[in-house]
Amino acid sequence: MFPEFNATTYFIDLLALSLLLIPAMALINHAPTRRTILTLAGAYLLYFIAPRLVLFYAVFWVVVYLLHRLIVATTDRKLGTPIFWFSIIVMLAPMIIWKLYFDDFSTLFNLWSNQGLSHISQTIWTIDLARAIIIPIGLSFATFRGADLLVKSWVGKFKGLPFTHVLYYGFFPPVQIVGPIIEYEEINKQQKPTADDIYQGLMRIAFGLIKVLILAAILQKSAVIFQTYETAPTAKIWGFLFIYTWFFYLNFSGYSDLAIGAARTYGFKLKENFAFPYFRPNISEFWNNWHMSLSRFAQRNAYVPLGGYRKKTQYVAIFATIFVIALWHDLSLGMILFACYHGAGLIAHRYYSDRKAKDKKEDNVCVLWGKIFGTYLFVTLSFPLLVMPLDKAGQFYLSLVGIS
């Protein structure tokens, strides 16, 4: 198994580099120069992890650019639709192969990319040899960013982006490792950062550091329950499971805060990625506020095209949307069950809401908090499917009701 990359290290390097990036973004008036600086900064941060990552993503985004130009050139022609779907398959293929054949793909990724560097520079090749064997970090986020760009190219939003703009989108430093899954429009028009931007960004970064380095770090040991549940008391299993959900949220949302905050100090106002999802009164509101960049992507590219706003097709669209969200995490039977579980919950809520649409009565405080806890419990019970192999998850669920 390959060593897990510590995203905190990446953000520490990013924050150190920001001591140069923030003044550059504030003082340089030439927008193309600012884009070039940020592109090179993103490449440098990947190089600092392992030079092979720079080569891999350079090739990756060259392919995205070529597919983008191909789609734009053929949209209005007879083969436009087949070419679009071919492009989407090519775009998704590396991520799908990686998730289906994790060890083999990761091994080939390291071997081929390192060998590729030997044809570019013997010095860089030697440096890369000394770096740890790693997985293609950030591939899922990059894949969905690239897919979003291709879809928007097909519907006419982008009419031939310059190659440098696609690289800039691909190597934008704050979001390379753990998202959010930004849209090109979010970084297309950058304004020079104001004093308020820098202040707000630094406060957001501080908030993210508190979440990741303090709160999540304290709760991280709760993950041990997924290895020790067989001998643990039922009450402890429940308690640690609840604690783990908060670790997962604080850690993930903390990294989003770091990315959004860093981007703000450069003059960008990225969209939010989390908005208190555990305090929502129904499962639909939960997904509207959890990993929102992924939910927005799935809504744009699955829910709306499949007729989510039409009565006859809304349930199919809901299932397709949650499957996109689930299978982005992993291509496994466990995630298929995760999608079915949440899809059933979303459909049940939609059906109930449609039946009660005429009832304008507001819930009292007790009912509202009951719904919030019920939604949180519903979400909590899906976490074993998210973080455990399916056979182990089944045993874990039995342990929750005292069956060892």
Protein backbone atom coordinates (compact mmCIF):
# COMPACT_ATOMS: atom_id res chain seq x y z
CA MET A 1 0.00 0.00 0.00
CA PHE A 2 1.24 3.48 -0.85
CA PRO A 3 1.90 6.06 1.89
CA GLU A 4 -0.87 8.57 2.51
CA PHE A 5 -0.02 12.13 1.55
CA ASN A 6 -0.46 14.70 4.29
CA ALA A 7 -2.45 17.58 2.81
CA THR A 8 -1.49 19.77 5.78
CA THR A 9 2.10 19.80 4.52
CA TYR A 10 0.92 21.04 1.14
CA PHE A 11 -0.99 23.93 2.70
CA ILE A 12 1.92 24.86 4.94
CA ASP A 13 4.08 25.10 1.82
CA LEU A 14 1.33 27.09 0.09
CA LEU A 15 1.06 29.53 2.99
CA ALA A 16 4.84 29.99 3.02
CA LEU A 17 4.81 30.65 -0.73
CA SER A 18 1.91 33.06 -0.21
CA LEU A 19 4.34 35.45 1.46
CA LEU A 20 5.51 36.09 -2.10
CA LEU A 21 2.25 35.46 -3.94
CA ILE A 22 0.09 37.95 -2.02
CA PRO A 23 2.36 40.97 -2.72
CA ALA A 24 2.72 39.85 -6.33
CA MET A 25 -1.06 39.63 -6.81
CA ALA A 26 -1.52 43.02 -5.13
CA LEU A 27 1.24 44.89 -6.97
CA ILE A 28 1.20 43.46 -10.51
CA ASN A 29 -1.39 45.10 -12.77
CA HIS A 30 -0.92 42.78 -15.76
CA ALA A 31 -3.52 39.99 -15.42
CA PRO A 32 -1.71 37.49 -17.72
CA THR A 33 1.40 37.87 -15.56
CA ARG A 34 -0.60 37.15 -12.41
CA ARG A 35 -2.06 34.04 -14.05
CA THR A 36 1.41 32.89 -15.07
CA ILE A 37 2.74 33.37 -11.53
CA LEU A 38 -0.11 31.33 -10.04
CA THR A 39 0.32 28.58 -12.65
CA LEU A 40 4.04 28.32 -11.90
CA ALA A 41 3.33 28.41 -8.15
CA GLY A 42 0.95 25.45 -8.48
CA ALA A 43 3.51 23.53 -10.50
CA TYR A 44 6.23 24.32 -7.97
CA LEU A 45 4.14 23.03 -5.06
CA LEU A 46 3.55 19.76 -6.90
CA TYR A 47 7.26 19.60 -7.77
CA PHE A 48 8.03 19.95 -4.08
CA ILE A 49 5.99 16.78 -3.42
CA ALA A 50 7.44 14.89 -6.38
CA PRO A 51 8.48 16.17 -9.85
CA ARG A 52 6.56 13.32 -11.48
CA LEU A 53 3.32 15.02 -10.38
CA VAL A 54 4.15 18.07 -12.46
CA LEU A 55 4.77 15.94 -15.54
CA PHE A 56 1.59 13.93 -14.98
CA TYR A 57 -0.64 16.97 -14.59
CA ALA A 58 1.05 18.86 -17.42
CA VAL A 59 0.13 15.97 -19.73
CA PHE A 60 -3.32 15.72 -18.12
CA TRP A 61 -4.19 19.36 -18.78
CA VAL A 62 -2.70 19.30 -22.27
CA VAL A 63 -5.17 16.50 -23.02
CA VAL A 64 -8.00 18.54 -21.49
CA TYR A 65 -7.04 21.50 -23.69
CA LEU A 66 -6.96 19.36 -26.85
CA LEU A 67 -10.34 17.82 -26.01
CA HIS A 68 -11.73 21.29 -25.31
CA ARG A 69 -10.57 22.56 -28.72
CA LEU A 70 -11.92 19.42 -30.42
CA ILE A 71 -15.35 19.87 -28.81
CA VAL A 72 -15.49 23.56 -29.73
CA ALA A 73 -14.53 22.79 -33.33
CA THR A 74 -17.15 20.04 -33.78
CA THR A 75 -20.10 21.18 -31.64
CA ASP A 76 -22.22 22.26 -34.60
CA ARG A 77 -21.23 19.35 -36.83
CA LYS A 78 -22.76 15.92 -37.32
CA LEU A 79 -20.17 14.14 -35.17
CA GLY A 80 -20.31 16.75 -32.41
CA THR A 81 -22.26 14.63 -29.93
CA PRO A 82 -20.20 11.42 -30.37
CA ILE A 83 -16.99 13.44 -30.09
CA PHE A 84 -18.25 15.07 -26.90
CA TRP A 85 -19.01 11.71 -25.29
CA PHE A 86 -15.69 10.32 -26.47
CA SER A 87 -13.98 13.29 -24.81
CA ILE A 88 -15.84 12.74 -21.55
CA ILE A 89 -14.82 9.05 -21.55
CA VAL A 90 -11.19 9.99 -22.15
CA MET A 91 -11.47 12.57 -19.37
CA LEU A 92 -12.88 10.12 -16.83
CA ALA A 93 -10.79 7.10 -17.82
CA PRO A 94 -7.69 7.74 -15.65
CA MET A 95 -9.77 8.30 -12.52
CA ILE A 96 -11.95 5.24 -13.17
CA ILE A 97 -8.94 2.99 -13.84
CA TRP A 98 -7.23 4.35 -10.74
CA LYS A 99 -10.23 3.59 -8.54
CA LEU A 100 -10.79 0.12 -10.02
CA TYR A 101 -7.13 -0.93 -10.08
CA PHE A 102 -5.62 1.25 -7.37
CA ASP A 103 -2.30 -0.51 -6.76
CA ASP A 104 -1.55 -1.31 -10.41
CA PHE A 105 -2.43 2.18 -11.62
CA SER A 106 -0.43 3.86 -8.86
CA THR A 107 2.60 1.67 -9.60
CA LEU A 108 2.45 2.45 -13.32
CA PHE A 109 1.89 6.13 -12.56
CA ASN A 110 5.13 6.27 -10.57
CA LEU A 111 7.15 4.18 -13.02
CA TRP A 112 6.02 5.84 -16.24
CA SER A 113 6.11 9.41 -14.95
CA ASN A 114 9.54 8.91 -13.42
CA GLN A 115 10.81 7.35 -16.63
CA GLY A 116 9.32 10.27 -18.57
CA LEU A 117 11.35 12.69 -16.49
CA SER A 118 14.54 10.89 -17.51
CA HIS A 119 13.94 12.07 -21.09
CA ILE A 120 13.54 15.67 -19.94
CA SER A 121 16.29 16.15 -17.36
CA GLN A 122 18.62 13.72 -15.65
CA THR A 123 18.85 16.09 -12.69
CA ILE A 124 15.07 16.24 -12.19
CA TRP A 125 14.88 12.47 -12.71
CA THR A 126 17.42 11.96 -9.93
CA ILE A 127 15.53 14.30 -7.62
CA ASP A 128 12.30 12.45 -8.34
CA LEU A 129 13.88 9.10 -7.52
CA ALA A 130 14.53 10.32 -4.00
CA ARG A 131 10.87 11.21 -3.43
CA ALA A 132 8.42 8.78 -1.86
CA ILE A 133 6.23 6.53 -3.98
CA ILE A 134 2.90 8.34 -4.12
CA ILE A 135 -0.58 8.11 -5.59
CA PRO A 136 -1.71 10.64 -8.24
CA ILE A 137 -2.73 13.20 -5.61
CA GLY A 138 -5.79 15.31 -6.45
CA LEU A 139 -6.80 13.27 -9.50
CA SER A 140 -10.51 13.10 -8.61
CA PHE A 141 -10.72 16.87 -8.14
CA ALA A 142 -8.80 17.53 -11.36
CA THR A 143 -10.97 15.09 -13.31
CA PHE A 144 -14.23 16.76 -12.33
CA ARG A 145 -12.80 20.23 -12.97
CA GLY A 146 -11.72 19.08 -16.42
CA ALA A 147 -15.06 17.38 -17.10
CA ASP A 148 -16.93 20.54 -16.07
CA LEU A 149 -14.87 22.59 -18.52
CA LEU A 150 -15.60 20.13 -21.34
CA VAL A 151 -19.34 20.09 -20.65
CA LYS A 152 -19.46 23.89 -20.66
CA SER A 153 -17.45 23.91 -23.89
CA TRP A 154 -20.06 21.63 -25.48
CA VAL A 155 -23.00 23.84 -24.47
CA GLY A 156 -21.22 26.92 -25.79
CA LYS A 157 -20.05 28.71 -22.66
CA PHE A 158 -16.39 28.55 -23.71
CA LYS A 159 -15.44 29.25 -27.31
CA GLY A 160 -11.81 28.24 -27.44
CA LEU A 161 -9.85 29.03 -24.27
CA PRO A 162 -6.14 29.81 -24.66
CA PHE A 163 -3.81 26.99 -23.63
CA THR A 164 -2.32 29.15 -20.86
CA HIS A 165 -5.79 29.65 -19.36
CA VAL A 166 -6.42 25.91 -19.20
CA LEU A 167 -3.06 25.34 -17.50
CA TYR A 168 -3.84 28.16 -15.08
CA TYR A 169 -7.17 26.51 -14.24
CA GLY A 170 -5.45 23.17 -13.80
CA PHE A 171 -2.56 24.34 -11.63
CA PHE A 172 -4.47 26.93 -9.55
CA PRO A 173 -2.58 26.39 -6.26
CA PRO A 174 -5.22 26.42 -3.48
CA VAL A 175 -7.45 23.68 -4.93
CA GLN A 176 -5.05 21.12 -6.41
CA ILE A 177 -4.99 18.64 -3.54
CA VAL A 178 -8.33 18.57 -1.69
CA GLY A 179 -10.57 20.88 -3.69
CA PRO A 180 -13.06 22.48 -3.77
CA ILE A 181 -14.03 21.48 -7.31
CA ILE A 182 -13.96 25.01 -8.64
CA GLU A 183 -15.48 26.18 -11.91
CA TYR A 184 -13.37 28.06 -14.44
CA GLU A 185 -15.59 31.12 -14.02
CA GLU A 186 -14.54 31.43 -10.37
CA ILE A 187 -10.96 32.29 -11.32
CA ASN A 188 -11.46 33.74 -14.78
CA LYS A 189 -11.78 37.36 -13.68
CA GLN A 190 -9.36 38.12 -10.90
CA GLN A 191 -9.29 41.47 -9.16
CA LYS A 192 -6.19 42.65 -7.37
CA PRO A 193 -6.66 41.78 -3.68
CA THR A 194 -7.73 44.62 -1.43
CA ALA A 195 -6.71 45.02 2.20
CA ASP A 196 -10.12 43.59 3.15
CA ASP A 197 -9.56 40.57 0.88
CA ILE A 198 -6.24 39.85 2.55
CA TYR A 199 -7.71 40.30 6.03
CA GLN A 200 -10.76 38.11 5.31
CA GLY A 201 -8.56 35.50 3.66
CA LEU A 202 -6.15 35.36 6.59
CA MET A 203 -9.04 35.02 9.05
CA ARG A 204 -10.46 32.17 6.98
CA ILE A 205 -7.04 30.50 6.89
CA ALA A 206 -6.76 30.84 10.68
CA PHE A 207 -10.20 29.28 11.08
CA GLY A 208 -9.19 26.42 8.81
CA LEU A 209 -5.98 25.81 10.75
CA ILE A 210 -7.93 25.66 14.01
CA LYS A 211 -10.25 23.07 12.49
CA VAL A 212 -7.49 20.91 11.00
CA LEU A 213 -4.65 21.21 13.49
CA ILE A 214 -6.62 21.43 16.74
CA LEU A 215 -10.22 20.26 16.56
CA ALA A 216 -9.85 17.50 13.95
CA ALA A 217 -6.53 16.41 15.44
CA ILE A 218 -8.20 15.91 18.82
CA LEU A 219 -11.01 13.84 17.29
CA GLN A 220 -8.88 11.86 14.85
CA LYS A 221 -8.30 8.94 17.23
CA SER A 222 -11.99 8.10 16.97
CA ALA A 223 -11.15 6.37 13.66
CA VAL A 224 -9.71 3.50 15.70
CA ILE A 225 -13.25 2.23 16.26
CA PHE A 226 -13.34 0.92 12.69
CA GLN A 227 -10.55 -1.50 13.64
CA THR A 228 -11.54 -2.29 17.24
CA TYR A 229 -15.35 -2.48 17.01
CA GLU A 230 -15.39 -6.27 17.38
CA THR A 231 -14.20 -6.05 21.00
CA ALA A 232 -15.67 -2.66 21.94
CA PRO A 233 -18.87 -2.11 23.97
CA THR A 234 -21.88 -1.04 21.95
CA ALA A 235 -22.06 2.37 23.64
CA LYS A 236 -18.43 3.05 22.79
CA ILE A 237 -18.99 2.11 19.16
CA TRP A 238 -21.86 4.58 18.88
CA GLY A 239 -19.94 7.29 20.71
CA PHE A 240 -16.82 6.94 18.59
CA LEU A 241 -18.91 6.80 15.41
CA PHE A 242 -20.54 10.13 16.28
CA ILE A 243 -17.15 11.63 17.12
CA TYR A 244 -15.70 10.37 13.83
CA THR A 245 -18.39 12.15 11.82
CA TRP A 246 -17.25 15.41 13.38
CA PHE A 247 -13.60 14.62 12.73
CA PHE A 248 -14.41 13.91 9.08
CA TYR A 249 -16.37 17.13 8.72
CA LEU A 250 -13.91 19.37 10.56
CA ASN A 251 -10.93 17.95 8.67
CA PHE A 252 -12.50 18.20 5.22
CA SER A 253 -14.17 21.57 5.74
CA GLY A 254 -10.98 22.87 7.37
CA TYR A 255 -9.00 22.16 4.21
CA SER A 256 -11.73 23.88 2.21
CA ASP A 257 -11.37 26.89 4.49
CA LEU A 258 -7.62 26.93 3.82
CA ALA A 259 -8.16 26.78 0.07
CA ILE A 260 -10.90 29.43 0.04
CA GLY A 261 -8.93 31.66 2.41
CA ALA A 262 -5.70 31.40 0.41
CA ALA A 263 -7.56 32.19 -2.81
CA ARG A 264 -9.19 35.21 -1.13
CA THR A 265 -5.77 36.65 -0.23
CA TYR A 266 -4.94 36.49 -3.96
CA GLY A 267 -8.14 38.35 -4.88
CA PHE A 268 -10.50 35.42 -5.64
CA LYS A 269 -13.86 34.80 -3.98
CA LEU A 270 -14.42 31.07 -4.39
CA LYS A 271 -17.82 29.56 -3.68
CA GLU A 272 -18.41 27.94 -0.31
CA ASN A 273 -17.92 24.20 0.06
CA PHE A 274 -19.58 23.55 3.45
CA ALA A 275 -22.35 25.40 5.30
CA PHE A 276 -23.14 23.72 8.64
CA PRO A 277 -24.45 20.51 7.01
CA TYR A 278 -25.04 18.67 10.31
CA PHE A 279 -27.56 21.32 11.36
CA ARG A 280 -29.97 20.78 8.48
CA PRO A 281 -33.52 19.49 9.05
CA ASN A 282 -33.67 17.08 6.10
CA ILE A 283 -31.40 15.04 3.85
CA SER A 284 -31.92 17.31 0.86
CA GLU A 285 -30.70 20.32 2.82
CA PHE A 286 -27.78 18.27 4.07
CA TRP A 287 -26.55 17.54 0.53
CA ASN A 288 -27.13 21.14 -0.48
CA ASN A 289 -24.64 22.15 2.21
CA TRP A 290 -22.11 19.27 2.27
CA HIS A 291 -19.18 19.31 -0.19
CA MET A 292 -21.18 21.85 -2.13
CA SER A 293 -18.76 22.08 -5.05
CA LEU A 294 -19.32 18.37 -5.76
CA SER A 295 -23.08 18.68 -5.23
CA ARG A 296 -23.21 21.65 -7.62
CA PHE A 297 -21.24 19.70 -10.22
CA ALA A 298 -23.60 16.72 -9.95
CA GLN A 299 -26.63 18.99 -10.07
CA ARG A 300 -25.42 20.79 -13.21
CA ASN A 301 -24.32 17.69 -15.04
CA ALA A 302 -26.75 15.00 -13.87
CA TYR A 303 -29.78 16.36 -12.02
CA VAL A 304 -30.77 19.14 -14.45
CA PRO A 305 -30.06 17.30 -17.76
CA LEU A 306 -31.98 14.21 -16.54
CA GLY A 307 -35.08 16.21 -15.64
CA GLY A 308 -34.74 16.82 -11.92
CA TYR A 309 -37.22 19.68 -12.12
CA ARG A 310 -39.79 17.62 -14.03
CA LYS A 311 -42.29 15.56 -12.05
CA LYS A 312 -42.06 12.44 -14.23
CA THR A 313 -38.27 12.21 -14.19
CA GLN A 314 -37.34 13.77 -10.87
CA TYR A 315 -36.70 10.50 -9.02
CA VAL A 316 -34.45 9.10 -11.74
CA ALA A 317 -32.53 12.37 -11.71
CA ILE A 318 -32.15 12.23 -7.93
CA PHE A 319 -30.72 8.71 -8.07
CA ALA A 320 -28.34 9.61 -10.89
CA THR A 321 -27.13 12.68 -9.01
CA ILE A 322 -26.36 10.85 -5.78
CA PHE A 323 -24.63 8.09 -7.75
CA VAL A 324 -22.31 10.67 -9.31
CA ILE A 325 -21.53 11.99 -5.84
CA ALA A 326 -21.00 8.55 -4.33
CA LEU A 327 -18.93 7.05 -7.13
CA TRP A 328 -16.67 10.12 -7.18
CA HIS A 329 -15.43 8.86 -3.80
CA ASP A 330 -14.87 5.27 -4.87
CA LEU A 331 -16.02 2.71 -7.42
CA SER A 332 -17.09 -0.08 -5.07
CA LEU A 333 -20.13 -2.03 -3.93
CA GLY A 334 -20.01 -0.15 -0.66
CA MET A 335 -20.37 3.19 -2.44
CA ILE A 336 -23.18 1.79 -4.60
CA LEU A 337 -25.03 0.92 -1.39
CA PHE A 338 -24.13 4.36 -0.03
CA ALA A 339 -25.75 5.91 -3.11
CA CYS A 340 -28.84 3.70 -2.83
CA TYR A 341 -29.20 4.55 0.86
CA HIS A 342 -28.96 8.31 0.35
CA GLY A 343 -30.93 8.15 -2.88
CA ALA A 344 -33.78 6.43 -1.08
CA GLY A 345 -33.65 9.06 1.64
CA LEU A 346 -33.70 11.90 -0.89
CA ILE A 347 -36.59 10.40 -2.82
CA ALA A 348 -38.57 9.76 0.36
CA HIS A 349 -38.02 13.36 1.41
CA ARG A 350 -39.03 14.68 -2.03
CA TYR A 351 -42.18 12.55 -2.02
CA TYR A 352 -43.08 13.66 1.51
CA SER A 353 -42.39 17.32 0.67
CA ASP A 354 -44.60 17.16 -2.41
CA ARG A 355 -47.42 15.66 -0.35
CA LYS A 356 -47.05 18.33 2.34
CA ALA A 357 -46.47 21.27 -0.02
CA LYS A 358 -49.76 22.90 0.91
CA ASP A 359 -49.06 22.75 4.63
CA LYS A 360 -47.54 26.12 5.54
CA LYS A 361 -47.34 25.42 9.25
CA GLU A 362 -43.88 26.04 10.67
CA ASP A 363 -42.26 23.50 12.97
CA ASN A 364 -41.82 24.42 16.61
CA VAL A 365 -38.34 24.34 18.13
CA CYS A 366 -38.62 20.79 19.44
CA VAL A 367 -39.82 19.40 16.12
CA LEU A 368 -37.11 21.31 14.23
CA TRP A 369 -34.31 19.95 16.44
CA GLY A 370 -35.84 16.50 16.21
CA LYS A 371 -35.60 16.70 12.43
CA ILE A 372 -32.03 17.97 12.64
CA PHE A 373 -30.98 15.09 14.87
CA GLY A 374 -32.87 12.59 12.72
CA THR A 375 -31.07 13.84 9.60
CA TYR A 376 -27.71 13.74 11.38
CA LEU A 377 -28.38 10.17 12.56
CA PHE A 378 -29.39 9.15 9.04
CA VAL A 379 -26.12 10.55 7.68
CA THR A 380 -24.06 9.05 10.50
CA LEU A 381 -25.33 5.56 9.75
CA SER A 382 -23.93 5.80 6.21
CA PHE A 383 -20.35 6.54 7.32
CA PRO A 384 -19.28 2.88 7.64
CA LEU A 385 -20.10 2.45 3.94
CA LEU A 386 -17.97 5.50 3.20
CA VAL A 387 -14.84 4.46 5.08
CA MET A 388 -14.89 0.64 5.35
CA PRO A 389 -14.86 -2.33 2.95
CA LEU A 390 -18.36 -3.69 2.47
CA ASP A 391 -17.81 -6.94 4.41
CA LYS A 392 -16.34 -5.06 7.37
CA ALA A 393 -19.12 -2.48 7.23
CA GLY A 394 -21.71 -5.24 7.54
CA GLN A 395 -20.03 -6.54 10.68
CA PHE A 396 -19.80 -3.00 12.03
CA TYR A 397 -23.55 -2.49 11.62
CA LEU A 398 -24.21 -5.69 13.55
CA SER A 399 -21.99 -4.43 16.36
CA LEU A 400 -24.13 -1.29 16.58
CA VAL A 401 -27.02 -3.44 17.77
CA GLY A 402 -24.88 -5.57 20.06
CA ILE A 403 -24.30 -8.53 17.72
CA SER A 404 -20.65 -9.52 17.57
